[in-house]
Amino acid sequence: MLKDSPSDQLIATIRAVIQGQTVYAPELVQNMFSADQNPLSERELEVLQVATTGTTSKEIAKQLFLSDGTVRNYLF
């Protein structure tokens, strides 16, 4: 989330996270993939791409042969 997001969006995001969902600000994701020089590693991008399908961190870890902790570090 962006720090200047509207309060109703913040509340909705908090509720979604409490329910176990992962929420990304569309502006940040769009900028990240369109930047001339992306600061993320190939592995971090791979984890993010799988995460966009709504997959849990445990499922991502299994699919990409990573530990769940590593996936959570990449995502959070």
Protein backbone atom coordinates (compact mmCIF):
# COMPACT_ATOMS: atom_id res chain seq x y z
CA MET A 1 0.00 0.00 0.00
CA LEU A 2 1.05 3.53 -0.60
CA LYS A 3 1.29 5.71 2.49
CA ASP A 4 -1.13 8.25 1.03
CA SER A 5 -3.84 5.68 0.22
CA PRO A 6 -7.37 6.60 1.29
CA SER A 7 -8.38 5.37 4.75
CA ASP A 8 -11.22 3.21 3.37
CA GLN A 9 -8.68 1.42 1.15
CA LEU A 10 -6.41 0.92 4.18
CA ILE A 11 -9.29 -0.61 6.15
CA ALA A 12 -10.20 -2.93 3.26
CA THR A 13 -6.57 -3.98 2.93
CA ILE A 14 -6.23 -4.70 6.65
CA ARG A 15 -9.37 -6.86 6.51
CA ALA A 16 -8.04 -8.74 3.48
CA VAL A 17 -4.69 -9.39 5.16
CA ILE A 18 -6.42 -10.61 8.33
CA GLN A 19 -8.28 -13.11 6.14
CA GLY A 20 -4.94 -14.39 4.83
CA GLN A 21 -4.90 -12.56 1.52
CA THR A 22 -1.84 -10.86 0.12
CA VAL A 23 -2.40 -7.33 -1.15
CA TYR A 24 -0.14 -5.30 -3.42
CA ALA A 25 -0.64 -1.72 -4.51
CA PRO A 26 -1.24 -1.88 -8.27
CA GLU A 27 0.85 1.27 -8.74
CA LEU A 28 3.87 -0.38 -7.15
CA VAL A 29 3.56 -3.60 -9.10
CA GLN A 30 3.14 -1.76 -12.38
CA ASN A 31 6.16 0.46 -11.70
CA MET A 32 8.25 -2.50 -10.64
CA PHE A 33 7.74 -4.40 -13.88
CA SER A 34 8.12 -1.36 -16.11
CA ALA A 35 11.21 0.17 -14.52
CA ASP A 36 14.30 0.43 -16.72
CA GLN A 37 16.43 -1.21 -14.08
CA ASN A 38 14.52 -3.55 -11.82
CA PRO A 39 16.08 -3.90 -8.34
CA LEU A 40 14.63 -7.39 -7.87
CA SER A 41 16.48 -10.60 -8.60
CA GLU A 42 15.18 -13.13 -11.12
CA ARG A 43 14.16 -15.39 -8.23
CA GLU A 44 12.25 -12.59 -6.49
CA LEU A 45 10.41 -11.84 -9.73
CA GLU A 46 9.62 -15.52 -10.15
CA VAL A 47 8.13 -15.67 -6.64
CA LEU A 48 6.07 -12.54 -7.32
CA GLN A 49 4.77 -13.91 -10.60
CA VAL A 50 3.58 -17.09 -8.90
CA ALA A 51 2.10 -15.04 -6.04
CA THR A 52 -0.10 -13.10 -8.45
CA THR A 53 -2.14 -16.27 -8.97
CA GLY A 54 -3.27 -16.15 -5.33
CA THR A 55 -1.05 -19.05 -4.32
CA THR A 56 -0.10 -19.35 -0.65
CA SER A 57 3.51 -18.96 0.43
CA LYS A 58 3.67 -22.68 1.27
CA GLU A 59 2.43 -23.59 -2.21
CA ILE A 60 4.91 -21.18 -3.82
CA ALA A 61 7.72 -22.70 -1.74
CA LYS A 62 6.82 -26.20 -2.86
CA GLN A 63 6.47 -25.19 -6.51
CA LEU A 64 9.78 -23.28 -6.63
CA PHE A 65 11.74 -25.58 -4.30
CA LEU A 66 12.23 -22.91 -1.64
CA SER A 67 11.52 -22.83 2.07
CA ASP A 68 8.32 -21.17 3.19
CA GLY A 69 10.41 -18.67 5.17
CA THR A 70 12.35 -17.68 2.07
CA VAL A 71 9.14 -17.08 0.14
CA ARG A 72 7.71 -14.99 2.98
CA ASN A 73 10.93 -12.95 3.07
CA TYR A 74 10.60 -12.24 -0.63
CA LEU A 75 6.94 -11.27 -0.31
CA PHE A 76 7.01 -9.27 2.90
